[in-house]
Amino acid sequence: MIQIVPQMKIFLSINPVDFRKGIDGLSGICRTILDKDPFSGALFLFINKKRQAIKILIYDGQGFWLCQKRLSKGKIRYWPENSDSIISSLTACELQVLLYNGEPDKINTSPEWRKLVK
């Protein structure tokens, strides 16, 4: 089971990808296009061209998880567009809102808790 915790790094690929790609293809995108290590334990999100499905790729220390959510009706409402960047980051709370087809940029949450370093 994948546990999403506030400390987890979550990266969102802004450009749509070919959903025929599996674990190897998406981890290749992480390495070459996003310039991130797919073995880092970070969670990577991808969207298809029709904006009807999301794929999640994550490495748990033993192997990769590849999850997909496809909407039965409508399209994914939120996905960053027209950005100078090819990658964006989300918090765990924003990811949960996105997975329920909400709009993470419109939620009101308390600030992320950070441990004070002395």
C-alpha atoms as a PDB file:
ATOM      1  CA  MET A   1       0.000   0.000   0.000  1.00  0.00           C
ATOM      2  CA  ILE A   2       1.238   3.477  -0.820  1.00  0.00           C
ATOM      3  CA  GLN A   3       1.214   5.883   2.085  1.00  0.00           C
ATOM      4  CA  ILE A   4       1.196   9.569   1.190  1.00  0.00           C
ATOM      5  CA  VAL A   5       2.740  11.634   3.968  1.00  0.00           C
ATOM      6  CA  PRO A   6       3.321  15.403   4.194  1.00  0.00           C
ATOM      7  CA  GLN A   7       7.096  14.947   3.883  1.00  0.00           C
ATOM      8  CA  MET A   8       6.789  13.130   0.545  1.00  0.00           C
ATOM      9  CA  LYS A   9       8.086  14.842  -2.568  1.00  0.00           C
ATOM     10  CA  ILE A  10       5.399  14.956  -5.260  1.00  0.00           C
ATOM     11  CA  PHE A  11       6.227  16.007  -8.808  1.00  0.00           C
ATOM     12  CA  LEU A  12       3.742  16.655 -11.582  1.00  0.00           C
ATOM     13  CA  SER A  13       4.755  16.437 -15.231  1.00  0.00           C
ATOM     14  CA  ILE A  14       3.050  19.400 -16.887  1.00  0.00           C
ATOM     15  CA  ASN A  15       3.115  18.048 -20.451  1.00  0.00           C
ATOM     16  CA  PRO A  16       0.790  15.145 -21.326  1.00  0.00           C
ATOM     17  CA  VAL A  17       2.385  11.733 -21.939  1.00  0.00           C
ATOM     18  CA  ASP A  18       1.503   8.704 -24.029  1.00  0.00           C
ATOM     19  CA  PHE A  19      -0.419   6.398 -21.691  1.00  0.00           C
ATOM     20  CA  ARG A  20       0.762   3.315 -23.542  1.00  0.00           C
ATOM     21  CA  LYS A  21       3.985   3.822 -21.570  1.00  0.00           C
ATOM     22  CA  GLY A  22       4.470   1.588 -18.572  1.00  0.00           C
ATOM     23  CA  ILE A  23       6.904   1.699 -15.675  1.00  0.00           C
ATOM     24  CA  ASP A  24      10.035   1.714 -17.842  1.00  0.00           C
ATOM     25  CA  GLY A  25       8.739   4.410 -20.193  1.00  0.00           C
ATOM     26  CA  LEU A  26       7.554   6.697 -17.395  1.00  0.00           C
ATOM     27  CA  SER A  27      10.746   6.236 -15.365  1.00  0.00           C
ATOM     28  CA  GLY A  28      12.631   7.184 -18.534  1.00  0.00           C
ATOM     29  CA  ILE A  29      10.598  10.405 -18.715  1.00  0.00           C
ATOM     30  CA  CYS A  30      11.481  11.075 -15.063  1.00  0.00           C
ATOM     31  CA  ARG A  31      15.192  10.685 -15.821  1.00  0.00           C
ATOM     32  CA  THR A  32      15.508  12.390 -19.184  1.00  0.00           C
ATOM     33  CA  ILE A  33      12.781  15.025 -19.382  1.00  0.00           C
ATOM     34  CA  LEU A  34      12.036  15.852 -15.730  1.00  0.00           C
ATOM     35  CA  ASP A  35      15.675  15.390 -14.647  1.00  0.00           C
ATOM     36  CA  LYS A  36      14.609  13.499 -11.501  1.00  0.00           C
ATOM     37  CA  ASP A  37      15.610  10.101 -10.111  1.00  0.00           C
ATOM     38  CA  PRO A  38      12.642   7.698 -10.288  1.00  0.00           C
ATOM     39  CA  PHE A  39      14.277   5.591  -7.525  1.00  0.00           C
ATOM     40  CA  SER A  40      14.237   8.530  -5.077  1.00  0.00           C
ATOM     41  CA  GLY A  41      10.917   7.586  -3.475  1.00  0.00           C
ATOM     42  CA  ALA A  42       9.242  10.688  -4.885  1.00  0.00           C
ATOM     43  CA  LEU A  43       5.783  10.370  -6.374  1.00  0.00           C
ATOM     44  CA  PHE A  44       5.431  11.325 -10.060  1.00  0.00           C
ATOM     45  CA  LEU A  45       2.119  12.295 -11.680  1.00  0.00           C
ATOM     46  CA  PHE A  46       1.352  12.190 -15.395  1.00  0.00           C
ATOM     47  CA  ILE A  47      -1.738  13.100 -17.437  1.00  0.00           C
ATOM     48  CA  ASN A  48      -2.902  11.928 -20.855  1.00  0.00           C
ATOM     49  CA  LYS A  49      -3.695  14.204 -23.811  1.00  0.00           C
ATOM     50  CA  LYS A  50      -7.473  13.951 -23.385  1.00  0.00           C
ATOM     51  CA  ARG A  51      -7.146  14.939 -19.688  1.00  0.00           C
ATOM     52  CA  GLN A  52      -9.292  12.002 -18.656  1.00  0.00           C
ATOM     53  CA  ALA A  53      -6.689   9.984 -16.776  1.00  0.00           C
ATOM     54  CA  ILE A  54      -3.794  10.341 -14.348  1.00  0.00           C
ATOM     55  CA  LYS A  55      -0.927   7.897 -13.804  1.00  0.00           C
ATOM     56  CA  ILE A  56       1.173   7.806 -10.641  1.00  0.00           C
ATOM     57  CA  LEU A  57       4.651   6.275 -10.523  1.00  0.00           C
ATOM     58  CA  ILE A  58       6.462   5.669  -7.243  1.00  0.00           C
ATOM     59  CA  TYR A  59       9.333   3.486  -6.059  1.00  0.00           C
ATOM     60  CA  ASP A  60       8.880   2.015  -2.562  1.00  0.00           C
ATOM     61  CA  GLY A  61      12.354   0.566  -2.019  1.00  0.00           C
ATOM     62  CA  GLN A  62      11.474  -2.886  -3.380  1.00  0.00           C
ATOM     63  CA  GLY A  63       9.855  -2.058  -6.680  1.00  0.00           C
ATOM     64  CA  PHE A  64       7.718   0.373  -8.619  1.00  0.00           C
ATOM     65  CA  TRP A  65       4.027   1.058  -8.171  1.00  0.00           C
ATOM     66  CA  LEU A  66       2.101   2.257 -11.212  1.00  0.00           C
ATOM     67  CA  CYS A  67      -1.409   3.482 -10.483  1.00  0.00           C
ATOM     68  CA  GLN A  68      -3.960   4.908 -12.880  1.00  0.00           C
ATOM     69  CA  LYS A  69      -7.202   6.797 -12.368  1.00  0.00           C
ATOM     70  CA  ARG A  70      -9.491   7.285 -15.351  1.00  0.00           C
ATOM     71  CA  LEU A  71     -12.573   9.443 -14.988  1.00  0.00           C
ATOM     72  CA  SER A  72     -15.832   7.874 -16.128  1.00  0.00           C
ATOM     73  CA  LYS A  73     -17.210  11.303 -17.091  1.00  0.00           C
ATOM     74  CA  GLY A  74     -15.649  14.663 -17.829  1.00  0.00           C
ATOM     75  CA  LYS A  75     -12.039  15.746 -17.697  1.00  0.00           C
ATOM     76  CA  ILE A  76      -9.425  16.482 -15.053  1.00  0.00           C
ATOM     77  CA  ARG A  77     -10.236  20.044 -14.030  1.00  0.00           C
ATOM     78  CA  TYR A  78      -6.843  21.084 -12.706  1.00  0.00           C
ATOM     79  CA  TRP A  79      -3.482  20.690 -14.392  1.00  0.00           C
ATOM     80  CA  PRO A  80      -0.847  23.438 -14.705  1.00  0.00           C
ATOM     81  CA  GLU A  81      -0.589  24.863 -18.200  1.00  0.00           C
ATOM     82  CA  ASN A  82       1.377  27.480 -20.119  1.00  0.00           C
ATOM     83  CA  SER A  83       4.246  27.295 -17.701  1.00  0.00           C
ATOM     84  CA  ASP A  84       7.884  27.934 -18.489  1.00  0.00           C
ATOM     85  CA  SER A  85       8.652  24.769 -16.542  1.00  0.00           C
ATOM     86  CA  ILE A  86       8.062  21.144 -17.491  1.00  0.00           C
ATOM     87  CA  ILE A  87       7.591  20.064 -13.874  1.00  0.00           C
ATOM     88  CA  SER A  88       5.607  21.290 -10.892  1.00  0.00           C
ATOM     89  CA  SER A  89       5.433  20.163  -7.277  1.00  0.00           C
ATOM     90  CA  LEU A  90       2.458  19.496  -5.034  1.00  0.00           C
ATOM     91  CA  THR A  91       1.908  18.944  -1.331  1.00  0.00           C
ATOM     92  CA  ALA A  92       0.261  15.772  -0.037  1.00  0.00           C
ATOM     93  CA  CYS A  93      -2.945  17.702   0.664  1.00  0.00           C
ATOM     94  CA  GLU A  94      -3.000  19.159  -2.859  1.00  0.00           C
ATOM     95  CA  LEU A  95      -2.494  15.677  -4.311  1.00  0.00           C
ATOM     96  CA  GLN A  96      -5.519  14.349  -2.448  1.00  0.00           C
ATOM     97  CA  VAL A  97      -7.650  17.195  -3.783  1.00  0.00           C
ATOM     98  CA  LEU A  98      -6.366  16.590  -7.325  1.00  0.00           C
ATOM     99  CA  LEU A  99      -7.149  12.860  -7.136  1.00  0.00           C
ATOM    100  CA  TYR A 100     -10.780  13.715  -6.318  1.00  0.00           C
ATOM    101  CA  ASN A 101     -10.821  16.004  -9.390  1.00  0.00           C
ATOM    102  CA  GLY A 102     -10.690  19.149  -7.297  1.00  0.00           C
ATOM    103  CA  GLU A 103      -8.611  22.232  -7.865  1.00  0.00           C
ATOM    104  CA  PRO A 104      -5.610  22.312  -5.503  1.00  0.00           C
ATOM    105  CA  ASP A 105      -4.857  25.976  -6.184  1.00  0.00           C
ATOM    106  CA  LYS A 106      -8.266  26.950  -4.766  1.00  0.00           C
ATOM    107  CA  ILE A 107      -8.089  25.172  -1.406  1.00  0.00           C
ATOM    108  CA  ASN A 108      -7.464  26.849   1.911  1.00  0.00           C
ATOM    109  CA  THR A 109      -5.154  24.826   4.136  1.00  0.00           C
ATOM    110  CA  SER A 110      -2.970  25.543   7.082  1.00  0.00           C
ATOM    111  CA  PRO A 111       0.738  26.002   6.340  1.00  0.00           C
ATOM    112  CA  GLU A 112       2.903  22.907   6.160  1.00  0.00           C
ATOM    113  CA  TRP A 113       4.432  21.966   9.505  1.00  0.00           C
ATOM    114  CA  ARG A 114       8.191  22.289   9.596  1.00  0.00           C
ATOM    115  CA  LYS A 115      10.493  21.170  12.377  1.00  0.00           C
ATOM    116  CA  LEU A 116      12.540  24.054  13.724  1.00  0.00           C
ATOM    117  CA  VAL A 117      16.279  23.573  13.336  1.00  0.00           C
ATOM    118  CA  LYS A 118      18.404  25.025  16.132  1.00  0.00           C
END
